[in-house]
């Protein structure tokens, strides 16, 4: 049932962005410093909050095989990376 309304929502949002896109952009640019300040203020008030920045591996990387040569450059290997 929700897929039935998707084209209508898409066309509505497309029209809004088409008519008022410049004003929306200027509004977002104007409001973004306030949002950043609010986030920084919230972070200062809640220093114990769990805010993961990224996922980092723990421990050491797996050992490399010292006898295995790295892949040498040739035309066939180069084309597979394109």
Foldseek 3Di string as FASTA:
>chain_A
DVVVCVVVVVVVVVVCCVVCVVVVVVVCVVCVVVVVVVVVVVCVVCVPDDDDPDDDDDDDDDDDDPPDDPDDDDPVVVVVVD
